[in-house]
């Protein structure tokens, strides 16, 4: 039996999700899309306190596997790309945004098309010095999708977002770092370990507070100031009643490091 196209591994409280189609640069086909969503649903388990997404082999993710649609193109048919997004990509990207725990992307190699969108949907990103980000949609007459047109302006501002979205030129690791698209660049043989170290550290943090913080930060783009202040107050009431808050205060008073339980 061949190995699954999406492999999940539990490392303590970190769920590692490995995109495992290396011969296709981890491009999404129907099977991998559905299995990736299933893996993200597994991440909802309270015992999972952080998630790491990485690609197997030389690529992070090359986006949609156009070869799987080659039959339609050869016959002159137009693939139902909107339906593919609604069925396969949008639920997974939405799930990452809604997970109230940190999601780390280890960009171990090229990320192209929707693979860039996937990386940007994650909360924190570590990138190999040899990797590149290439939206590349315009080179095949398409728009950036899987959340890219929503995420890019929030990371880059509208001007740079338009520049990147309408260019097929790849962005190298150092440029991605300068633009704030990733937080750390490491040598290719160090990216998996560096990303796992980050995910492990996050998994030992106050998970509920991280989740509330993540939600509030993204909601801030759609809420007015007064409403957001009230949302903060409500979220702080929840965080303040958590076991982790009590542990944090006790540790502060005792001048020791807190041991958070994620509750």
Protein backbone atom coordinates (compact mmCIF):
# COMPACT_ATOMS: atom_id res chain seq x y z
CA UNK A 1 0.00 0.00 0.00
CA UNK A 2 1.34 3.42 -0.92
CA UNK A 3 1.82 6.00 1.80
CA UNK A 4 -0.93 8.51 2.37
CA UNK A 5 -0.77 11.79 0.41
CA UNK A 6 -1.21 13.61 3.74
CA UNK A 7 0.65 12.28 6.76
CA UNK A 8 -0.09 13.35 10.32
CA UNK A 9 2.38 12.93 13.16
CA UNK A 10 1.87 13.88 16.80
CA UNK A 11 4.91 15.32 18.56
CA UNK A 12 3.77 15.93 22.11
CA UNK A 13 1.11 18.64 21.74
CA UNK A 14 2.15 19.53 18.16
CA UNK A 15 0.27 17.99 15.24
CA UNK A 16 2.56 17.87 12.21
CA UNK A 17 0.73 17.75 8.87
CA UNK A 18 2.93 16.65 5.99
CA UNK A 19 1.85 17.23 2.39
CA UNK A 20 3.12 14.05 0.81
CA UNK A 21 3.07 14.18 -2.99
CA UNK A 22 6.77 14.97 -3.51
CA UNK A 23 6.84 13.79 -7.13
CA UNK A 24 4.22 16.47 -7.89
CA UNK A 25 5.85 19.09 -5.65
CA UNK A 26 2.99 18.51 -3.20
CA UNK A 27 0.43 19.96 -5.59
CA UNK A 28 -3.18 19.46 -4.54
CA UNK A 29 -5.40 16.95 -6.25
CA UNK A 30 -8.83 15.93 -5.00
CA UNK A 31 -7.54 13.26 -2.65
CA UNK A 32 -4.92 15.45 -1.01
CA UNK A 33 -7.34 18.34 -0.63
CA UNK A 34 -9.89 16.24 1.21
CA UNK A 35 -7.27 14.53 3.36
CA UNK A 36 -5.69 17.85 4.29
CA UNK A 37 -9.06 19.10 5.52
CA UNK A 38 -9.48 15.90 7.55
CA UNK A 39 -6.07 16.50 9.14
CA UNK A 40 -7.08 20.02 10.11
CA UNK A 41 -10.23 18.65 11.73
CA UNK A 42 -7.99 16.34 13.80
CA UNK A 43 -6.20 19.49 14.98
CA UNK A 44 -9.38 20.58 16.76
CA UNK A 45 -8.68 17.98 19.46
CA UNK A 46 -7.92 19.81 22.75
CA UNK A 47 -4.77 17.72 23.20
CA UNK A 48 -3.34 19.45 20.11
CA UNK A 49 -2.03 22.87 21.09
CA UNK A 50 -0.14 23.83 17.93
CA UNK A 51 -0.04 22.71 14.29
CA UNK A 52 2.89 22.49 11.88
CA UNK A 53 2.35 22.26 8.10
CA UNK A 54 5.28 21.18 5.92
CA UNK A 55 5.85 19.63 2.52
CA UNK A 56 7.67 16.37 1.81
CA UNK A 57 10.70 16.56 -0.46
CA UNK A 58 11.88 19.66 -2.31
CA UNK A 59 8.65 21.71 -2.27
CA UNK A 60 6.22 23.12 0.25
CA UNK A 61 3.23 23.11 -2.08
CA UNK A 62 2.87 23.88 -5.78
CA UNK A 63 -0.83 24.73 -5.51
CA UNK A 64 -3.34 23.04 -7.79
CA UNK A 65 -2.17 20.03 -9.77
CA UNK A 66 -3.03 21.18 -13.27
CA UNK A 67 -2.03 17.77 -14.60
CA UNK A 68 -5.11 16.33 -12.90
CA UNK A 69 -7.19 18.70 -15.06
CA UNK A 70 -5.24 18.08 -18.26
CA UNK A 71 -7.99 15.93 -19.75
CA UNK A 72 -10.46 18.79 -19.62
CA UNK A 73 -7.99 21.22 -21.14
CA UNK A 74 -7.04 18.78 -23.91
CA UNK A 75 -10.72 18.46 -24.85
CA UNK A 76 -11.21 22.21 -24.79
CA UNK A 77 -13.39 22.10 -21.69
CA UNK A 78 -13.27 24.70 -18.93
CA UNK A 79 -12.68 23.06 -15.55
CA UNK A 80 -15.07 24.17 -12.80
CA UNK A 81 -12.35 26.01 -10.91
CA UNK A 82 -14.80 27.89 -8.70
CA UNK A 83 -16.33 24.63 -7.55
CA UNK A 84 -12.89 23.18 -6.85
CA UNK A 85 -12.17 26.18 -4.63
CA UNK A 86 -15.49 25.88 -2.82
CA UNK A 87 -15.12 22.15 -2.27
CA UNK A 88 -11.42 21.75 -1.60
CA UNK A 89 -9.49 24.91 -0.77
CA UNK A 90 -11.90 27.31 0.89
CA UNK A 91 -12.93 24.92 3.69
CA UNK A 92 -9.28 24.19 4.53
CA UNK A 93 -8.18 27.84 4.50
CA UNK A 94 -11.22 28.75 6.62
CA UNK A 95 -10.41 25.97 9.07
CA UNK A 96 -6.85 27.26 9.55
CA UNK A 97 -8.16 30.75 10.25
CA UNK A 98 -10.77 29.43 12.70
CA UNK A 99 -8.48 27.09 14.63
CA UNK A 100 -7.99 28.81 17.97
CA UNK A 101 -4.44 27.58 18.29
CA UNK A 102 -1.23 28.55 16.47
CA UNK A 103 -0.54 27.12 13.01
CA UNK A 104 3.07 27.25 11.77
CA UNK A 105 4.09 26.85 8.12
CA UNK A 106 7.53 25.40 7.39
CA UNK A 107 8.18 26.64 3.86
CA UNK A 108 10.80 24.04 3.05
CA UNK A 109 10.80 24.64 -0.70
CA UNK A 110 8.88 26.39 -3.43
CA UNK A 111 5.36 27.55 -2.64
CA UNK A 112 3.38 28.37 -5.77
CA UNK A 113 -0.18 29.38 -6.53
CA UNK A 114 -2.53 28.23 -3.80
CA UNK A 115 0.54 26.92 -1.97
CA UNK A 116 1.39 30.58 -1.25
CA UNK A 117 -2.16 31.13 -0.04
CA UNK A 118 -1.83 28.14 2.28
CA UNK A 119 1.40 29.47 3.76
CA UNK A 120 -0.09 32.94 4.25
CA UNK A 121 -3.18 31.50 5.94
CA UNK A 122 -0.97 30.01 8.64
CA UNK A 123 -0.20 32.18 11.65
CA UNK A 124 3.59 32.05 11.59
CA UNK A 125 6.05 31.12 8.86
CA UNK A 126 9.63 29.84 8.80
CA UNK A 127 11.25 29.70 5.34
CA UNK A 128 14.18 27.91 3.83
CA UNK A 129 16.81 30.22 2.34
CA UNK A 130 16.48 28.23 -0.88
CA UNK A 131 12.68 28.49 -1.11
CA UNK A 132 10.61 30.87 -3.21
CA UNK A 133 7.05 32.22 -3.19
CA UNK A 134 5.45 32.39 -6.62
CA UNK A 135 1.78 33.31 -6.98
CA UNK A 136 2.08 32.71 -10.73
CA UNK A 137 -1.69 32.90 -11.32
CA UNK A 138 -1.36 35.63 -13.93
CA UNK A 139 0.95 33.44 -16.01
CA UNK A 140 -2.00 31.10 -16.65
CA UNK A 141 -4.67 33.81 -16.90
CA UNK A 142 -6.15 33.35 -13.42
CA UNK A 143 -6.64 35.44 -10.29
CA UNK A 144 -4.90 34.66 -6.98
CA UNK A 145 -7.29 32.51 -4.97
CA UNK A 146 -7.63 30.38 -1.83
CA UNK A 147 -7.66 33.57 0.22
CA UNK A 148 -4.67 35.30 -1.40
CA UNK A 149 -6.54 38.46 -2.44
CA UNK A 150 -7.80 38.86 1.16
CA UNK A 151 -4.53 38.02 2.89
CA UNK A 152 -2.00 39.88 0.73
CA UNK A 153 -3.32 43.44 1.31
CA UNK A 154 -3.38 42.78 5.05
CA UNK A 155 0.25 41.71 5.08
CA UNK A 156 1.63 44.07 2.45
CA UNK A 157 -0.77 46.97 1.95
CA UNK A 158 -2.76 47.41 -1.24
CA UNK A 159 0.09 48.73 -3.41
CA UNK A 160 2.52 45.89 -2.83
CA UNK A 161 -0.34 43.38 -2.84
CA UNK A 162 -1.32 44.43 -6.36
CA UNK A 163 2.31 44.31 -7.44
CA UNK A 164 2.77 40.77 -6.17
CA UNK A 165 -0.64 39.56 -7.34
CA UNK A 166 -0.11 40.73 -10.92
CA UNK A 167 3.45 39.47 -11.23
CA UNK A 168 4.63 35.98 -12.01
CA UNK A 169 8.11 36.72 -10.66
CA UNK A 170 8.96 34.58 -7.64
CA UNK A 171 9.96 36.15 -4.34
CA UNK A 172 13.05 34.79 -2.63
CA UNK A 173 13.38 34.11 1.08
CA UNK A 174 15.24 37.29 2.00
CA UNK A 175 12.73 39.46 0.14
CA UNK A 176 9.86 37.60 1.81
CA UNK A 177 11.51 38.32 5.16
CA UNK A 178 11.95 42.02 4.32
CA UNK A 179 8.28 42.25 3.31
CA UNK A 180 7.15 40.62 6.55
CA UNK A 181 5.66 37.60 4.80
CA UNK A 182 7.84 35.27 6.89
CA UNK A 183 9.43 35.78 10.28
CA UNK A 184 12.58 33.71 9.95
CA UNK A 185 14.84 32.39 7.19
CA UNK A 186 17.13 29.43 7.88
CA UNK A 187 19.34 27.08 5.89
CA UNK A 188 17.45 24.40 3.92
CA UNK A 189 18.55 21.58 6.22
CA UNK A 190 17.39 23.54 9.28
CA UNK A 191 13.87 24.61 8.30
CA UNK A 192 12.01 21.55 9.61
CA UNK A 193 13.76 21.68 12.97
CA UNK A 194 13.39 25.46 13.30
CA UNK A 195 9.68 25.33 12.52
CA UNK A 196 9.14 22.42 14.89
CA UNK A 197 11.02 24.26 17.64
CA UNK A 198 8.69 27.24 17.16
CA UNK A 199 5.60 25.02 17.15
CA UNK A 200 6.77 23.19 20.28
CA UNK A 201 7.33 26.50 22.09
CA UNK A 202 3.88 27.71 21.08
CA UNK A 203 2.34 24.42 22.20
CA UNK A 204 3.60 25.07 25.72
CA UNK A 205 1.98 28.51 25.84
CA UNK A 206 -1.48 29.63 27.01
CA UNK A 207 -3.42 28.03 24.17
CA UNK A 208 -6.79 29.62 24.95
CA UNK A 209 -5.24 33.09 25.13
CA UNK A 210 -3.40 32.48 21.85
CA UNK A 211 -6.66 31.45 20.19
CA UNK A 212 -8.56 34.47 21.46
CA UNK A 213 -5.71 36.76 20.39
CA UNK A 214 -5.67 35.26 16.90
CA UNK A 215 -9.43 35.72 16.54
CA UNK A 216 -9.37 39.34 17.74
CA UNK A 217 -6.49 40.35 15.50
CA UNK A 218 -8.23 39.11 12.36
CA UNK A 219 -11.63 40.48 13.42
CA UNK A 220 -10.04 43.92 13.91
CA UNK A 221 -10.05 44.48 10.14
CA UNK A 222 -13.84 44.25 10.02
CA UNK A 223 -14.90 45.86 13.32
CA UNK A 224 -15.17 49.47 14.42
CA UNK A 225 -13.07 50.63 17.38
CA UNK A 226 -15.87 50.71 19.97
CA UNK A 227 -17.08 47.24 19.00
CA UNK A 228 -13.56 45.91 19.10
CA UNK A 229 -12.96 47.31 22.58
CA UNK A 230 -16.05 45.42 23.75
CA UNK A 231 -14.83 42.27 21.99
CA UNK A 232 -11.52 42.59 23.84
CA UNK A 233 -13.33 42.97 27.16
CA UNK A 234 -15.41 39.86 26.49
CA UNK A 235 -12.38 37.85 25.42
CA UNK A 236 -10.40 39.02 28.45
CA UNK A 237 -13.19 37.79 30.71
CA UNK A 238 -12.79 34.35 29.14
CA UNK A 239 -9.00 34.41 29.37
CA UNK A 240 -9.12 35.70 32.92
CA UNK A 241 -11.20 32.74 34.07
CA UNK A 242 -8.79 30.18 32.59
CA UNK A 243 -6.49 27.86 34.53
CA UNK A 244 -3.59 29.22 32.49
CA UNK A 245 -4.22 32.74 33.74
CA UNK A 246 -4.16 31.57 37.36
CA UNK A 247 -0.97 29.61 36.70
CA UNK A 248 0.61 32.61 34.99
CA UNK A 249 -0.11 34.91 37.93
CA UNK A 250 1.11 32.35 40.47
CA UNK A 251 4.29 31.82 38.49
CA UNK A 252 4.83 35.58 38.27
CA UNK A 253 4.40 35.98 42.02
CA UNK A 254 6.73 33.05 42.70
CA UNK A 255 9.28 34.35 40.17
CA UNK A 256 9.27 31.10 38.21
CA UNK A 257 8.40 30.09 34.66
CA UNK A 258 4.72 29.22 34.19
CA UNK A 259 3.64 25.71 33.23
CA UNK A 260 0.61 26.20 31.08
CA UNK A 261 -1.81 23.34 30.54
CA UNK A 262 -3.71 24.83 27.62
CA UNK A 263 -6.88 25.31 29.66
